[in-house]
Amino acid sequence: MPRRARLTPYRDGPYLLRGDFELTDQDGTPIAAGRRTVALCRCGKSQIRPFCDGTHKLIGFRAAGAAEHGDLPPSVSRSG
């Protein structure tokens, strides 16, 4: 059975995306991930966006490791 995708925000770092997922750009064109776990840029400064290249450490990026604005919208499930 395929493992559902799970997105985990890491404090002061990237989003880690694990499991069965498909990445696409805004036009729906697939983006090859090449693996079942990827780190996605959250700071906006990576040179290989949408993937993380570690730039967040160099620029002092800060972000929470949980939901950043309180509770999630009703359309987003917390269950894994």
N, C-alpha and C. Protein backbone atom coordinates (compact mmCIF):
# COMPACT_ATOMS: atom_id res chain seq x y z
N MET A 1 0.84 -1.18 0.00
CA MET A 1 0.00 0.00 0.00
C MET A 1 0.89 1.25 0.00
N PRO A 2 0.60 2.21 -0.87
CA PRO A 2 1.40 3.43 -0.94
C PRO A 2 1.33 4.22 0.37
N ARG A 3 2.43 4.84 0.74
CA ARG A 3 2.48 5.66 1.93
C ARG A 3 1.99 7.06 1.60
N ARG A 4 0.96 7.52 2.33
CA ARG A 4 0.43 8.86 2.10
C ARG A 4 1.49 9.92 2.27
N ALA A 5 1.37 10.98 1.51
CA ALA A 5 2.32 12.08 1.62
C ALA A 5 2.16 12.79 2.96
N ARG A 6 3.29 13.21 3.53
CA ARG A 6 3.28 13.96 4.79
C ARG A 6 4.23 15.14 4.62
N LEU A 7 3.75 16.33 4.96
CA LEU A 7 4.54 17.55 4.87
C LEU A 7 4.83 18.04 6.29
N THR A 8 6.12 18.18 6.62
CA THR A 8 6.53 18.58 7.97
C THR A 8 7.35 19.86 7.89
N PRO A 9 6.89 20.95 8.52
CA PRO A 9 7.70 22.17 8.57
C PRO A 9 8.76 22.03 9.66
N TYR A 10 10.01 22.28 9.31
CA TYR A 10 11.09 22.23 10.29
C TYR A 10 11.41 23.64 10.76
N ARG A 11 11.54 23.81 12.08
CA ARG A 11 11.83 25.13 12.64
C ARG A 11 13.05 25.72 11.98
N ASP A 12 12.91 26.95 11.49
CA ASP A 12 13.98 27.71 10.85
C ASP A 12 14.55 27.00 9.62
N GLY A 13 13.78 26.11 9.03
CA GLY A 13 14.28 25.36 7.87
C GLY A 13 13.21 25.04 6.86
N PRO A 14 13.44 24.00 6.08
CA PRO A 14 12.54 23.67 4.97
C PRO A 14 11.29 22.90 5.41
N TYR A 15 10.44 22.66 4.44
CA TYR A 15 9.36 21.69 4.59
C TYR A 15 9.94 20.36 4.12
N LEU A 16 9.76 19.29 4.88
CA LEU A 16 10.14 17.96 4.43
C LEU A 16 8.88 17.26 3.94
N LEU A 17 8.92 16.80 2.70
CA LEU A 17 7.79 16.11 2.09
C LEU A 17 8.18 14.66 1.90
N ARG A 18 7.40 13.77 2.53
CA ARG A 18 7.70 12.33 2.49
C ARG A 18 6.49 11.56 1.98
N GLY A 19 6.75 10.42 1.34
CA GLY A 19 5.67 9.53 0.93
C GLY A 19 5.41 9.60 -0.56
N ASP A 20 4.18 9.25 -0.93
CA ASP A 20 3.77 9.29 -2.33
C ASP A 20 3.22 10.67 -2.65
N PHE A 21 3.91 11.38 -3.52
CA PHE A 21 3.48 12.73 -3.87
C PHE A 21 3.86 13.01 -5.32
N GLU A 22 3.24 14.03 -5.87
CA GLU A 22 3.59 14.53 -7.19
C GLU A 22 3.78 16.03 -7.05
N LEU A 23 4.92 16.53 -7.49
CA LEU A 23 5.17 17.97 -7.49
C LEU A 23 4.88 18.50 -8.88
N THR A 24 4.22 19.66 -8.94
CA THR A 24 3.98 20.32 -10.21
C THR A 24 4.24 21.81 -10.05
N ASP A 25 4.52 22.48 -11.18
CA ASP A 25 4.63 23.93 -11.11
C ASP A 25 3.23 24.52 -11.20
N GLN A 26 3.11 25.84 -11.21
CA GLN A 26 1.81 26.48 -11.18
C GLN A 26 0.97 26.20 -12.41
N ASP A 27 1.60 25.73 -13.49
CA ASP A 27 0.86 25.37 -14.70
C ASP A 27 0.50 23.90 -14.77
N GLY A 28 0.90 23.14 -13.73
CA GLY A 28 0.60 21.72 -13.70
C GLY A 28 1.67 20.84 -14.32
N THR A 29 2.77 21.43 -14.75
CA THR A 29 3.87 20.66 -15.33
C THR A 29 4.61 19.94 -14.21
N PRO A 30 4.79 18.62 -14.35
CA PRO A 30 5.48 17.86 -13.29
C PRO A 30 6.91 18.34 -13.05
N ILE A 31 7.32 18.31 -11.79
CA ILE A 31 8.69 18.61 -11.39
C ILE A 31 9.25 17.30 -10.85
N ALA A 32 10.30 16.81 -11.48
CA ALA A 32 10.89 15.53 -11.08
C ALA A 32 11.57 15.67 -9.72
N ALA A 33 11.13 14.86 -8.77
CA ALA A 33 11.72 14.90 -7.43
C ALA A 33 12.87 13.90 -7.32
N GLY A 34 12.72 12.75 -7.96
CA GLY A 34 13.78 11.76 -7.96
C GLY A 34 13.90 10.93 -6.69
N ARG A 35 13.03 11.17 -5.71
CA ARG A 35 13.07 10.40 -4.47
C ARG A 35 11.75 10.55 -3.73
N ARG A 36 11.59 9.75 -2.67
CA ARG A 36 10.34 9.76 -1.89
C ARG A 36 10.36 10.74 -0.73
N THR A 37 11.50 11.38 -0.46
CA THR A 37 11.61 12.41 0.56
C THR A 37 12.37 13.57 -0.04
N VAL A 38 11.78 14.78 0.02
CA VAL A 38 12.44 15.97 -0.49
C VAL A 38 12.30 17.10 0.53
N ALA A 39 13.27 18.00 0.52
CA ALA A 39 13.21 19.22 1.33
C ALA A 39 12.82 20.36 0.41
N LEU A 40 11.73 21.03 0.75
CA LEU A 40 11.23 22.13 -0.07
C LEU A 40 11.57 23.46 0.59
N CYS A 41 12.04 24.40 -0.23
CA CYS A 41 12.45 25.72 0.26
C CYS A 41 11.27 26.45 0.89
N ARG A 42 11.54 27.04 2.03
CA ARG A 42 10.54 27.84 2.72
C ARG A 42 11.00 29.29 2.84
N CYS A 43 12.28 29.56 2.66
CA CYS A 43 12.79 30.92 2.83
C CYS A 43 12.69 31.74 1.54
N GLY A 44 12.56 31.07 0.40
CA GLY A 44 12.44 31.77 -0.88
C GLY A 44 13.76 32.14 -1.52
N LYS A 45 14.88 31.77 -0.93
CA LYS A 45 16.19 32.17 -1.44
C LYS A 45 17.01 31.04 -2.06
N SER A 46 16.52 29.81 -2.04
CA SER A 46 17.24 28.68 -2.60
C SER A 46 17.50 28.90 -4.09
N GLN A 47 18.66 28.47 -4.54
CA GLN A 47 18.99 28.56 -5.96
C GLN A 47 18.42 27.37 -6.75
N ILE A 48 17.85 26.39 -6.06
CA ILE A 48 17.29 25.22 -6.74
C ILE A 48 15.81 25.05 -6.40
N ARG A 49 15.10 26.18 -6.16
CA ARG A 49 13.67 26.12 -5.84
C ARG A 49 12.94 25.27 -6.87
N PRO A 50 12.00 24.48 -6.42
CA PRO A 50 11.33 24.51 -5.13
C PRO A 50 12.08 23.75 -4.03
N PHE A 51 13.24 23.19 -4.35
CA PHE A 51 13.98 22.40 -3.37
C PHE A 51 14.88 23.29 -2.52
N CYS A 52 15.17 22.83 -1.32
CA CYS A 52 16.02 23.55 -0.37
C CYS A 52 17.48 23.27 -0.69
N ASP A 53 18.31 24.31 -0.63
CA ASP A 53 19.75 24.13 -0.79
C ASP A 53 20.54 24.56 0.44
N GLY A 54 19.82 24.82 1.55
CA GLY A 54 20.48 25.19 2.79
C GLY A 54 20.69 26.69 2.98
N THR A 55 20.29 27.50 2.01
CA THR A 55 20.48 28.94 2.10
C THR A 55 19.83 29.54 3.33
N HIS A 56 18.76 28.93 3.82
CA HIS A 56 18.07 29.45 5.00
C HIS A 56 19.03 29.64 6.19
N LYS A 57 20.02 28.78 6.28
CA LYS A 57 21.00 28.90 7.37
C LYS A 57 21.88 30.14 7.20
N LEU A 58 22.25 30.42 5.95
CA LEU A 58 23.13 31.56 5.67
C LEU A 58 22.45 32.90 5.88
N ILE A 59 21.14 32.96 5.64
CA ILE A 59 20.44 34.24 5.72
C ILE A 59 19.73 34.45 7.05
N GLY A 60 19.81 33.47 7.94
CA GLY A 60 19.18 33.61 9.25
C GLY A 60 17.67 33.50 9.21
N PHE A 61 17.15 32.71 8.27
CA PHE A 61 15.71 32.52 8.15
C PHE A 61 15.13 31.97 9.45
N ARG A 62 14.00 32.50 9.86
CA ARG A 62 13.32 32.04 11.06
C ARG A 62 11.86 31.74 10.75
N ALA A 63 11.41 30.60 11.20
CA ALA A 63 10.01 30.21 11.06
C ALA A 63 9.71 29.12 12.07
N ALA A 64 8.48 29.04 12.45
CA ALA A 64 8.04 28.03 13.41
C ALA A 64 8.15 26.64 12.82
N GLY A 65 8.19 25.65 13.69
CA GLY A 65 8.21 24.26 13.25
C GLY A 65 6.84 23.63 13.32
N ALA A 66 5.81 24.44 13.44
CA ALA A 66 4.41 23.97 13.50
C ALA A 66 3.57 24.94 12.69
N ALA A 67 2.26 24.80 12.77
CA ALA A 67 1.38 25.72 12.06
C ALA A 67 1.75 27.14 12.49
N GLU A 68 2.03 28.01 11.54
CA GLU A 68 2.58 29.32 11.85
C GLU A 68 1.54 30.36 12.23
N HIS A 69 0.29 30.13 11.92
CA HIS A 69 -0.73 31.13 12.18
C HIS A 69 -1.88 30.53 12.98
N GLY A 70 -1.53 29.82 14.04
CA GLY A 70 -2.58 29.24 14.87
C GLY A 70 -3.15 27.98 14.25
N ASP A 71 -4.44 27.87 14.26
CA ASP A 71 -5.08 26.66 13.80
C ASP A 71 -5.12 26.58 12.28
N LEU A 72 -5.20 25.35 11.77
CA LEU A 72 -5.30 25.14 10.33
C LEU A 72 -6.72 25.42 9.85
N PRO A 73 -6.88 25.82 8.58
CA PRO A 73 -8.22 26.02 8.04
C PRO A 73 -9.00 24.71 8.08
N PRO A 74 -10.34 24.78 8.12
CA PRO A 74 -11.15 23.56 8.20
C PRO A 74 -10.89 22.58 7.07
N SER A 75 -10.46 23.06 5.91
CA SER A 75 -10.25 22.17 4.76
C SER A 75 -8.96 21.35 4.87
N VAL A 76 -8.11 21.64 5.86
CA VAL A 76 -6.84 20.94 6.02
C VAL A 76 -6.96 19.95 7.16
N SER A 77 -6.65 18.70 6.87
CA SER A 77 -6.75 17.65 7.89
C SER A 77 -5.45 17.53 8.65
N ARG A 78 -5.55 17.35 9.96
CA ARG A 78 -4.36 17.11 10.77
C ARG A 78 -4.03 15.62 10.85
N SER A 79 -4.93 14.77 10.48
CA SER A 79 -4.69 13.33 10.63
C SER A 79 -3.68 12.86 9.62
N GLY A 80 -2.88 11.88 10.01
CA GLY A 80 -1.79 11.39 9.18
C GLY A 80 -2.20 10.26 8.35
